[in-house]
Amino acid sequence: MKQGTILTAMLVALLVSGCGQNNHSAKVSASSSTTKKVVKKKTTKKKPKYNPKVGKVISSTKGNLDGATFKFTNKKGKFYRTLQGYGKKSSIVSDYPTDKHSTLAIFRTYKTTKGIFYHVMIYQDDGFLNKISKDRMAEYKWYSNGGYVKPSDLTRFYPVKQQWQLNNVPYYVANPWLHAIWNAPVMTKHRTYVTHVFDRYTRTQLYATKELVRYNGAHYLYLRTANKNLGWVYKGQRNLVQGTYTDPGTQLLNPQSTEKMTEQEQSTKSTGNRVGVNDSLST
């Protein structure tokens, strides 16, 4: 009885062992038959560092702000803040209706793989602000920075039609309040401003050494005194008289032999801060 029981137990053990080996081999064969999946890395295309509408910059050259001048004549054209933003609506800083009357100069020329692009500056009339402070410089750069345009957006413009030398033609002041003296006729240089006014030159002999005609036909004279250069002033019939200055006292008064004619000129010091850098009592 015991021998039968032992034999039965051994048979069961052999069966269990055989089943375990079969299961293991089945798992091995199953695992070996499965194909490994290859995970491909996604390749992201690098964005170009330059604007595709502009191309890659090959070279750039600095322009002459007081050289060639232009007008923006492309009615559908735009000024863009940067080359990187050229062609993008978010980069538009101006357009034809806004700057069609502005005088432009080339600050820098960019040669790219797509062609030529200009960074343009706008001519500024600074009036009595002939000295630029640090605060004013930031404002000036902001206003004068026209943006980036194509050569096809521009048309050549000549602010000065003609200019010639004069041989110290004498003039004197007729009305000191009509016009001021400028470093250059308005908008003929990238920055024009008042250098002097006539408050302190009403009794001074002046001399014209140059004359020019602007594009609109207006005439300007370059004036100097016997000792220093002054600048450009509009040539009008009411502000200047061609000829030799005569002192009104000598011209109108006839002192007797017992009388003595004297003159007194108000000193700069006595006017305090009313005399500005433009020689004006009103600044």
C-alpha atoms as a PDB file:
ATOM      1  CA  MET A   1       0.000   0.000   0.000  1.00  0.00           C
ATOM      2  CA  LYS A   2       2.785   2.312   0.949  1.00  0.00           C
ATOM      3  CA  GLN A   3       4.739   1.424  -2.208  1.00  0.00           C
ATOM      4  CA  GLY A   4       1.719   2.347  -4.380  1.00  0.00           C
ATOM      5  CA  THR A   5       1.341   5.642  -2.633  1.00  0.00           C
ATOM      6  CA  ILE A   6       5.011   6.460  -3.162  1.00  0.00           C
ATOM      7  CA  LEU A   7       4.833   5.594  -6.860  1.00  0.00           C
ATOM      8  CA  THR A   8       1.754   7.728  -7.342  1.00  0.00           C
ATOM      9  CA  ALA A   9       3.491  10.702  -5.647  1.00  0.00           C
ATOM     10  CA  MET A  10       6.571  10.349  -7.878  1.00  0.00           C
ATOM     11  CA  LEU A  11       4.431  10.270 -11.015  1.00  0.00           C
ATOM     12  CA  VAL A  12       2.632  13.456  -9.955  1.00  0.00           C
ATOM     13  CA  ALA A  13       5.973  15.132  -9.233  1.00  0.00           C
ATOM     14  CA  LEU A  14       7.305  14.201 -12.663  1.00  0.00           C
ATOM     15  CA  LEU A  15       4.184  15.498 -14.363  1.00  0.00           C
ATOM     16  CA  VAL A  16       4.360  18.825 -12.498  1.00  0.00           C
ATOM     17  CA  SER A  17       8.051  19.200 -13.325  1.00  0.00           C
ATOM     18  CA  GLY A  18       7.428  18.499 -16.996  1.00  0.00           C
ATOM     19  CA  CYS A  19       4.616  21.025 -17.176  1.00  0.00           C
ATOM     20  CA  GLY A  20       6.844  23.699 -15.595  1.00  0.00           C
ATOM     21  CA  GLN A  21       9.616  23.134 -18.133  1.00  0.00           C
ATOM     22  CA  ASN A  22       7.107  23.233 -20.997  1.00  0.00           C
ATOM     23  CA  ASN A  23       5.670  26.522 -19.706  1.00  0.00           C
ATOM     24  CA  HIS A  24       9.189  28.052 -19.381  1.00  0.00           C
ATOM     25  CA  SER A  25      10.215  26.953 -22.882  1.00  0.00           C
ATOM     26  CA  ALA A  26       6.949  28.291 -24.249  1.00  0.00           C
ATOM     27  CA  LYS A  27       7.604  31.644 -22.610  1.00  0.00           C
ATOM     28  CA  VAL A  28      11.166  31.704 -23.958  1.00  0.00           C
ATOM     29  CA  SER A  29      10.025  30.856 -27.486  1.00  0.00           C
ATOM     30  CA  ALA A  30       7.238  33.402 -27.251  1.00  0.00           C
ATOM     31  CA  SER A  31       9.589  36.116 -26.088  1.00  0.00           C
ATOM     32  CA  SER A  32      12.126  35.231 -28.744  1.00  0.00           C
ATOM     33  CA  SER A  33       9.494  35.345 -31.471  1.00  0.00           C
ATOM     34  CA  THR A  34       8.319  38.903 -30.580  1.00  0.00           C
ATOM     35  CA  THR A  35       9.907  41.668 -32.734  1.00  0.00           C
ATOM     36  CA  LYS A  36      11.455  44.641 -30.948  1.00  0.00           C
ATOM     37  CA  LYS A  37       9.905  47.999 -31.848  1.00  0.00           C
ATOM     38  CA  VAL A  38      12.470  50.640 -33.014  1.00  0.00           C
ATOM     39  CA  VAL A  39      11.587  54.100 -31.719  1.00  0.00           C
ATOM     40  CA  LYS A  40      12.676  56.738 -34.225  1.00  0.00           C
ATOM     41  CA  LYS A  41      13.751  60.091 -32.823  1.00  0.00           C
ATOM     42  CA  LYS A  42      11.778  63.012 -34.176  1.00  0.00           C
ATOM     43  CA  THR A  43      14.030  65.391 -36.093  1.00  0.00           C
ATOM     44  CA  THR A  44      12.946  69.008 -35.714  1.00  0.00           C
ATOM     45  CA  LYS A  45      13.936  71.387 -38.481  1.00  0.00           C
ATOM     46  CA  LYS A  46      16.004  74.288 -37.207  1.00  0.00           C
ATOM     47  CA  LYS A  47      14.455  77.667 -37.889  1.00  0.00           C
ATOM     48  CA  PRO A  48      16.762  79.938 -39.898  1.00  0.00           C
ATOM     49  CA  LYS A  49      18.359  82.764 -37.953  1.00  0.00           C
ATOM     50  CA  TYR A  50      17.463  85.200 -40.723  1.00  0.00           C
ATOM     51  CA  ASN A  51      14.175  86.372 -42.193  1.00  0.00           C
ATOM     52  CA  PRO A  52      13.406  84.245 -45.310  1.00  0.00           C
ATOM     53  CA  LYS A  53      11.897  87.331 -46.971  1.00  0.00           C
ATOM     54  CA  VAL A  54      15.177  89.179 -46.505  1.00  0.00           C
ATOM     55  CA  GLY A  55      17.684  86.377 -46.804  1.00  0.00           C
ATOM     56  CA  LYS A  56      21.047  86.079 -45.156  1.00  0.00           C
ATOM     57  CA  VAL A  57      23.040  89.303 -44.753  1.00  0.00           C
ATOM     58  CA  ILE A  58      26.199  89.165 -46.860  1.00  0.00           C
ATOM     59  CA  SER A  59      27.560  92.634 -46.071  1.00  0.00           C
ATOM     60  CA  SER A  60      26.563  96.101 -44.855  1.00  0.00           C
ATOM     61  CA  THR A  61      27.953  99.560 -45.505  1.00  0.00           C
ATOM     62  CA  LYS A  62      27.381 102.827 -43.626  1.00  0.00           C
ATOM     63  CA  GLY A  63      25.714 105.633 -45.536  1.00  0.00           C
ATOM     64  CA  ASN A  64      26.182 109.422 -45.568  1.00  0.00           C
ATOM     65  CA  LEU A  65      23.228 111.123 -43.885  1.00  0.00           C
ATOM     66  CA  ASP A  66      24.051 114.415 -45.605  1.00  0.00           C
ATOM     67  CA  GLY A  67      24.626 112.774 -48.977  1.00  0.00           C
ATOM     68  CA  ALA A  68      21.926 111.400 -51.267  1.00  0.00           C
ATOM     69  CA  THR A  69      18.347 112.044 -50.132  1.00  0.00           C
ATOM     70  CA  PHE A  70      15.115 110.302 -51.073  1.00  0.00           C
ATOM     71  CA  LYS A  71      11.326 110.391 -50.872  1.00  0.00           C
ATOM     72  CA  PHE A  72       9.172 107.370 -50.053  1.00  0.00           C
ATOM     73  CA  THR A  73       7.013 106.977 -53.158  1.00  0.00           C
ATOM     74  CA  ASN A  74       5.664 103.414 -52.949  1.00  0.00           C
ATOM     75  CA  LYS A  75       2.015 104.010 -52.031  1.00  0.00           C
ATOM     76  CA  LYS A  76       1.627 100.418 -50.822  1.00  0.00           C
ATOM     77  CA  GLY A  77       5.030 100.219 -49.158  1.00  0.00           C
ATOM     78  CA  LYS A  78       5.782  99.978 -45.442  1.00  0.00           C
ATOM     79  CA  PHE A  79       8.624 100.874 -43.110  1.00  0.00           C
ATOM     80  CA  TYR A  80       9.683  97.954 -40.884  1.00  0.00           C
ATOM     81  CA  ARG A  81      11.308  98.141 -37.462  1.00  0.00           C
ATOM     82  CA  THR A  82      13.960  95.473 -38.113  1.00  0.00           C
ATOM     83  CA  LEU A  83      15.222  93.232 -40.901  1.00  0.00           C
ATOM     84  CA  GLN A  84      14.133  90.204 -38.880  1.00  0.00           C
ATOM     85  CA  GLY A  85      10.598  91.597 -38.801  1.00  0.00           C
ATOM     86  CA  TYR A  86      10.541  92.757 -42.433  1.00  0.00           C
ATOM     87  CA  GLY A  87       7.255  91.786 -44.081  1.00  0.00           C
ATOM     88  CA  LYS A  88       5.495  91.158 -40.771  1.00  0.00           C
ATOM     89  CA  LYS A  89       2.507  93.271 -39.770  1.00  0.00           C
ATOM     90  CA  SER A  90       3.737  93.451 -36.167  1.00  0.00           C
ATOM     91  CA  SER A  91       6.966  95.123 -37.334  1.00  0.00           C
ATOM     92  CA  ILE A  92       5.421  97.982 -39.354  1.00  0.00           C
ATOM     93  CA  VAL A  93       6.425 101.405 -38.013  1.00  0.00           C
ATOM     94  CA  SER A  94       5.167 103.682 -40.802  1.00  0.00           C
ATOM     95  CA  ASP A  95       3.747 103.825 -44.321  1.00  0.00           C
ATOM     96  CA  TYR A  96       3.343 106.044 -47.380  1.00  0.00           C
ATOM     97  CA  PRO A  97       0.521 108.329 -46.083  1.00  0.00           C
ATOM     98  CA  THR A  98       2.476 109.003 -42.888  1.00  0.00           C
ATOM     99  CA  ASP A  99       5.913 109.747 -44.371  1.00  0.00           C
ATOM    100  CA  LYS A 100       5.296 110.696 -48.004  1.00  0.00           C
ATOM    101  CA  HIS A 101       6.563 114.230 -47.305  1.00  0.00           C
ATOM    102  CA  SER A 102       9.579 113.178 -45.208  1.00  0.00           C
ATOM    103  CA  THR A 103      13.118 113.615 -46.516  1.00  0.00           C
ATOM    104  CA  LEU A 104      15.053 110.364 -46.100  1.00  0.00           C
ATOM    105  CA  ALA A 105      18.724 109.437 -46.073  1.00  0.00           C
ATOM    106  CA  ILE A 106      20.390 106.026 -46.053  1.00  0.00           C
ATOM    107  CA  PHE A 107      21.888 105.215 -42.672  1.00  0.00           C
ATOM    108  CA  ARG A 108      23.039 101.741 -43.691  1.00  0.00           C
ATOM    109  CA  THR A 109      22.825  99.524 -46.794  1.00  0.00           C
ATOM    110  CA  TYR A 110      22.424  95.762 -46.370  1.00  0.00           C
ATOM    111  CA  LYS A 111      23.332  93.332 -49.155  1.00  0.00           C
ATOM    112  CA  THR A 112      21.542  89.994 -48.622  1.00  0.00           C
ATOM    113  CA  THR A 113      20.931  86.782 -50.517  1.00  0.00           C
ATOM    114  CA  LYS A 114      17.520  88.218 -51.507  1.00  0.00           C
ATOM    115  CA  GLY A 115      18.727  91.647 -52.635  1.00  0.00           C
ATOM    116  CA  ILE A 116      19.413  95.133 -51.207  1.00  0.00           C
ATOM    117  CA  PHE A 117      17.703  96.679 -48.174  1.00  0.00           C
ATOM    118  CA  TYR A 118      18.078 100.174 -46.685  1.00  0.00           C
ATOM    119  CA  HIS A 119      17.922 101.337 -43.092  1.00  0.00           C
ATOM    120  CA  VAL A 120      16.735 104.926 -43.577  1.00  0.00           C
ATOM    121  CA  MET A 121      16.784 107.997 -41.337  1.00  0.00           C
ATOM    122  CA  ILE A 122      14.298 110.882 -41.453  1.00  0.00           C
ATOM    123  CA  TYR A 123      15.572 114.466 -41.693  1.00  0.00           C
ATOM    124  CA  GLN A 124      14.745 116.495 -38.578  1.00  0.00           C
ATOM    125  CA  ASP A 125      14.025 120.206 -38.081  1.00  0.00           C
ATOM    126  CA  ASP A 126      15.003 120.924 -34.467  1.00  0.00           C
ATOM    127  CA  GLY A 127      14.385 124.681 -34.458  1.00  0.00           C
ATOM    128  CA  PHE A 128      15.876 126.244 -31.333  1.00  0.00           C
ATOM    129  CA  LEU A 129      17.016 122.886 -29.927  1.00  0.00           C
ATOM    130  CA  ASN A 130      20.520 123.298 -31.290  1.00  0.00           C
ATOM    131  CA  LYS A 131      22.090 121.338 -28.438  1.00  0.00           C
ATOM    132  CA  ILE A 132      20.986 117.748 -27.879  1.00  0.00           C
ATOM    133  CA  SER A 133      20.889 116.608 -24.259  1.00  0.00           C
ATOM    134  CA  LYS A 134      21.055 112.938 -23.290  1.00  0.00           C
ATOM    135  CA  ASP A 135      17.278 112.848 -22.876  1.00  0.00           C
ATOM    136  CA  ARG A 136      16.747 114.650 -26.162  1.00  0.00           C
ATOM    137  CA  MET A 137      19.186 112.305 -27.963  1.00  0.00           C
ATOM    138  CA  ALA A 138      16.989 109.280 -27.217  1.00  0.00           C
ATOM    139  CA  GLU A 139      13.946 111.172 -28.493  1.00  0.00           C
ATOM    140  CA  TYR A 140      15.841 112.375 -31.564  1.00  0.00           C
ATOM    141  CA  LYS A 141      16.964 108.832 -32.456  1.00  0.00           C
ATOM    142  CA  TRP A 142      13.414 107.553 -32.055  1.00  0.00           C
ATOM    143  CA  TYR A 143      11.928 110.209 -34.365  1.00  0.00           C
ATOM    144  CA  SER A 144      14.709 110.058 -36.952  1.00  0.00           C
ATOM    145  CA  ASN A 145      14.759 106.248 -37.225  1.00  0.00           C
ATOM    146  CA  GLY A 146      12.703 105.596 -40.341  1.00  0.00           C
ATOM    147  CA  GLY A 147      13.056 101.819 -40.466  1.00  0.00           C
ATOM    148  CA  TYR A 148      13.913  99.295 -43.186  1.00  0.00           C
ATOM    149  CA  VAL A 149      12.753  99.597 -46.779  1.00  0.00           C
ATOM    150  CA  LYS A 150      13.588  98.359 -50.280  1.00  0.00           C
ATOM    151  CA  PRO A 151      15.317 100.544 -52.900  1.00  0.00           C
ATOM    152  CA  SER A 152      12.187 100.225 -55.058  1.00  0.00           C
ATOM    153  CA  ASP A 153      10.231 102.086 -52.336  1.00  0.00           C
ATOM    154  CA  LEU A 154      12.343 105.235 -52.782  1.00  0.00           C
ATOM    155  CA  THR A 155      12.809 107.961 -55.384  1.00  0.00           C
ATOM    156  CA  ARG A 156      15.855 110.255 -55.501  1.00  0.00           C
ATOM    157  CA  PHE A 157      15.158 113.745 -54.165  1.00  0.00           C
ATOM    158  CA  TYR A 158      17.287 116.915 -54.429  1.00  0.00           C
ATOM    159  CA  PRO A 159      16.546 119.441 -51.637  1.00  0.00           C
ATOM    160  CA  VAL A 160      19.024 121.983 -53.073  1.00  0.00           C
ATOM    161  CA  LYS A 161      18.492 123.023 -56.675  1.00  0.00           C
ATOM    162  CA  GLN A 162      21.479 125.344 -57.023  1.00  0.00           C
ATOM    163  CA  GLN A 163      24.274 126.961 -54.947  1.00  0.00           C
ATOM    164  CA  TRP A 164      27.026 129.498 -55.697  1.00  0.00           C
ATOM    165  CA  GLN A 165      29.636 131.701 -54.004  1.00  0.00           C
ATOM    166  CA  LEU A 166      29.231 135.441 -53.331  1.00  0.00           C
ATOM    167  CA  ASN A 167      31.962 138.015 -52.846  1.00  0.00           C
ATOM    168  CA  ASN A 168      31.066 139.438 -49.416  1.00  0.00           C
ATOM    169  CA  VAL A 169      27.886 141.178 -50.547  1.00  0.00           C
ATOM    170  CA  PRO A 170      26.920 143.674 -47.770  1.00  0.00           C
ATOM    171  CA  TYR A 171      23.568 143.359 -45.966  1.00  0.00           C
ATOM    172  CA  TYR A 172      21.991 144.709 -42.812  1.00  0.00           C
ATOM    173  CA  VAL A 173      18.940 143.715 -40.802  1.00  0.00           C
ATOM    174  CA  ALA A 174      15.582 145.253 -41.657  1.00  0.00           C
ATOM    175  CA  ASN A 175      13.344 143.231 -39.330  1.00  0.00           C
ATOM    176  CA  PRO A 176      15.022 140.996 -36.704  1.00  0.00           C
ATOM    177  CA  TRP A 177      11.877 138.991 -35.857  1.00  0.00           C
ATOM    178  CA  LEU A 178      10.867 137.536 -39.222  1.00  0.00           C
ATOM    179  CA  HIS A 179      13.548 134.886 -39.673  1.00  0.00           C
ATOM    180  CA  ALA A 180      16.365 133.219 -37.745  1.00  0.00           C
ATOM    181  CA  ILE A 181      19.825 132.039 -38.793  1.00  0.00           C
ATOM    182  CA  TRP A 182      20.244 128.278 -39.292  1.00  0.00           C
ATOM    183  CA  ASN A 183      23.150 125.857 -39.547  1.00  0.00           C
ATOM    184  CA  ALA A 184      21.680 124.920 -42.960  1.00  0.00           C
ATOM    185  CA  PRO A 185      18.483 125.756 -44.847  1.00  0.00           C
ATOM    186  CA  VAL A 186      15.638 123.722 -43.355  1.00  0.00           C
ATOM    187  CA  MET A 187      15.681 120.048 -44.374  1.00  0.00           C
ATOM    188  CA  THR A 188      18.816 120.311 -46.521  1.00  0.00           C
ATOM    189  CA  LYS A 189      20.875 118.455 -43.871  1.00  0.00           C
ATOM    190  CA  HIS A 190      19.847 115.471 -41.729  1.00  0.00           C
ATOM    191  CA  ARG A 191      19.522 117.803 -38.729  1.00  0.00           C
ATOM    192  CA  THR A 192      18.869 121.538 -39.064  1.00  0.00           C
ATOM    193  CA  TYR A 193      18.557 124.006 -36.189  1.00  0.00           C
ATOM    194  CA  VAL A 194      18.799 127.707 -35.330  1.00  0.00           C
ATOM    195  CA  THR A 195      22.321 128.943 -34.610  1.00  0.00           C
ATOM    196  CA  HIS A 196      21.587 132.665 -34.117  1.00  0.00           C
ATOM    197  CA  VAL A 197      18.782 135.203 -34.203  1.00  0.00           C
ATOM    198  CA  PHE A 198      19.025 138.832 -35.239  1.00  0.00           C
ATOM    199  CA  ASP A 199      18.337 140.452 -31.842  1.00  0.00           C
ATOM    200  CA  ARG A 200      21.977 141.433 -31.409  1.00  0.00           C
ATOM    201  CA  TYR A 201      22.837 142.026 -35.055  1.00  0.00           C
ATOM    202  CA  THR A 202      20.460 144.888 -35.870  1.00  0.00           C
ATOM    203  CA  ARG A 203      23.376 147.361 -35.768  1.00  0.00           C
ATOM    204  CA  THR A 204      25.990 145.104 -37.344  1.00  0.00           C
ATOM    205  CA  GLN A 205      27.263 145.075 -40.894  1.00  0.00           C
ATOM    206  CA  LEU A 206      26.641 141.633 -42.364  1.00  0.00           C
ATOM    207  CA  TYR A 207      28.163 139.981 -45.430  1.00  0.00           C
ATOM    208  CA  ALA A 208      26.732 137.248 -47.672  1.00  0.00           C
ATOM    209  CA  THR A 209      29.323 134.751 -48.909  1.00  0.00           C
ATOM    210  CA  LYS A 210      27.034 132.058 -50.416  1.00  0.00           C
ATOM    211  CA  GLU A 211      23.556 131.751 -51.883  1.00  0.00           C
ATOM    212  CA  LEU A 212      21.458 128.687 -52.619  1.00  0.00           C
ATOM    213  CA  VAL A 213      18.047 127.855 -54.038  1.00  0.00           C
ATOM    214  CA  ARG A 214      15.968 125.087 -52.477  1.00  0.00           C
ATOM    215  CA  TYR A 215      13.830 122.682 -54.518  1.00  0.00           C
ATOM    216  CA  ASN A 216      10.790 124.946 -53.928  1.00  0.00           C
ATOM    217  CA  GLY A 217      12.499 128.053 -55.309  1.00  0.00           C
ATOM    218  CA  ALA A 218      13.235 129.720 -51.945  1.00  0.00           C
ATOM    219  CA  HIS A 219      16.574 131.589 -51.771  1.00  0.00           C
ATOM    220  CA  TYR A 220      18.916 131.494 -48.762  1.00  0.00           C
ATOM    221  CA  LEU A 221      22.047 133.484 -47.917  1.00  0.00           C
ATOM    222  CA  TYR A 222      25.030 132.427 -45.842  1.00  0.00           C
ATOM    223  CA  LEU A 223      25.903 135.373 -43.573  1.00  0.00           C
ATOM    224  CA  ARG A 224      28.925 136.387 -41.576  1.00  0.00           C
ATOM    225  CA  THR A 225      30.100 139.456 -39.695  1.00  0.00           C
ATOM    226  CA  ALA A 226      33.554 140.956 -40.054  1.00  0.00           C
ATOM    227  CA  ASN A 227      34.772 138.556 -37.352  1.00  0.00           C
ATOM    228  CA  LYS A 228      32.734 135.323 -37.462  1.00  0.00           C
ATOM    229  CA  ASN A 229      30.466 133.091 -39.513  1.00  0.00           C
ATOM    230  CA  LEU A 230      26.761 133.049 -38.587  1.00  0.00           C
ATOM    231  CA  GLY A 231      24.850 130.660 -40.856  1.00  0.00           C
ATOM    232  CA  TRP A 232      21.998 130.516 -43.372  1.00  0.00           C
ATOM    233  CA  VAL A 233      18.962 132.782 -43.463  1.00  0.00           C
ATOM    234  CA  TYR A 234      15.987 133.076 -45.769  1.00  0.00           C
ATOM    235  CA  LYS A 235      16.522 135.828 -48.338  1.00  0.00           C
ATOM    236  CA  GLY A 236      13.468 138.042 -48.156  1.00  0.00           C
ATOM    237  CA  GLN A 237      12.742 141.677 -48.967  1.00  0.00           C
ATOM    238  CA  ARG A 238      11.466 142.425 -45.461  1.00  0.00           C
ATOM    239  CA  ASN A 239      14.124 140.845 -43.250  1.00  0.00           C
ATOM    240  CA  LEU A 240      17.343 141.940 -44.981  1.00  0.00           C
ATOM    241  CA  VAL A 241      18.446 144.991 -46.955  1.00  0.00           C
ATOM    242  CA  GLN A 242      21.354 144.817 -49.364  1.00  0.00           C
ATOM    243  CA  GLY A 243      23.770 147.652 -48.701  1.00  0.00           C
ATOM    244  CA  THR A 244      26.014 149.283 -46.102  1.00  0.00           C
ATOM    245  CA  TYR A 245      24.659 149.711 -42.606  1.00  0.00           C
ATOM    246  CA  THR A 246      24.302 153.317 -41.387  1.00  0.00           C
ATOM    247  CA  ASP A 247      23.829 154.109 -37.734  1.00  0.00           C
ATOM    248  CA  PRO A 248      20.340 155.649 -37.204  1.00  0.00           C
ATOM    249  CA  GLY A 249      21.787 158.251 -34.853  1.00  0.00           C
ATOM    250  CA  THR A 250      24.225 159.491 -37.454  1.00  0.00           C
ATOM    251  CA  GLN A 251      21.612 159.241 -40.191  1.00  0.00           C
ATOM    252  CA  LEU A 252      18.718 160.945 -38.412  1.00  0.00           C
ATOM    253  CA  LEU A 253      20.283 163.180 -35.794  1.00  0.00           C
ATOM    254  CA  ASN A 254      22.259 166.349 -36.486  1.00  0.00           C
ATOM    255  CA  PRO A 255      23.960 167.390 -33.223  1.00  0.00           C
ATOM    256  CA  GLN A 256      25.059 170.997 -32.849  1.00  0.00           C
ATOM    257  CA  SER A 257      28.632 171.974 -32.128  1.00  0.00           C
ATOM    258  CA  THR A 258      27.788 172.356 -28.457  1.00  0.00           C
ATOM    259  CA  GLU A 259      26.092 168.907 -28.310  1.00  0.00           C
ATOM    260  CA  LYS A 260      27.633 165.488 -28.017  1.00  0.00           C
ATOM    261  CA  MET A 261      25.936 162.324 -29.248  1.00  0.00           C
ATOM    262  CA  THR A 262      26.576 159.229 -27.159  1.00  0.00           C
ATOM    263  CA  GLU A 263      25.309 155.692 -27.418  1.00  0.00           C
ATOM    264  CA  GLN A 264      24.784 153.005 -24.841  1.00  0.00           C
ATOM    265  CA  GLU A 265      24.446 149.297 -25.505  1.00  0.00           C
ATOM    266  CA  GLN A 266      22.758 146.959 -23.059  1.00  0.00           C
ATOM    267  CA  SER A 267      25.296 144.439 -21.814  1.00  0.00           C
ATOM    268  CA  THR A 268      24.755 140.710 -22.010  1.00  0.00           C
ATOM    269  CA  LYS A 269      25.305 140.474 -18.266  1.00  0.00           C
ATOM    270  CA  SER A 270      22.476 142.893 -17.501  1.00  0.00           C
ATOM    271  CA  THR A 271      19.940 140.751 -19.341  1.00  0.00           C
ATOM    272  CA  GLY A 272      20.557 137.791 -17.027  1.00  0.00           C
ATOM    273  CA  ASN A 273      19.370 134.475 -18.416  1.00  0.00           C
ATOM    274  CA  ARG A 274      17.264 136.079 -21.146  1.00  0.00           C
ATOM    275  CA  VAL A 275      20.161 135.844 -23.591  1.00  0.00           C
ATOM    276  CA  GLY A 276      20.289 132.298 -24.845  1.00  0.00           C
ATOM    277  CA  VAL A 277      22.708 130.338 -26.972  1.00  0.00           C
ATOM    278  CA  ASN A 278      21.084 131.851 -30.067  1.00  0.00           C
ATOM    279  CA  ASP A 279      21.952 135.451 -29.020  1.00  0.00           C
ATOM    280  CA  SER A 280      18.260 136.044 -28.412  1.00  0.00           C
ATOM    281  CA  LEU A 281      16.829 138.218 -25.661  1.00  0.00           C
ATOM    282  CA  SER A 282      13.597 136.252 -25.866  1.00  0.00           C
ATOM    283  CA  THR A 283      14.925 132.754 -25.181  1.00  0.00           C
END
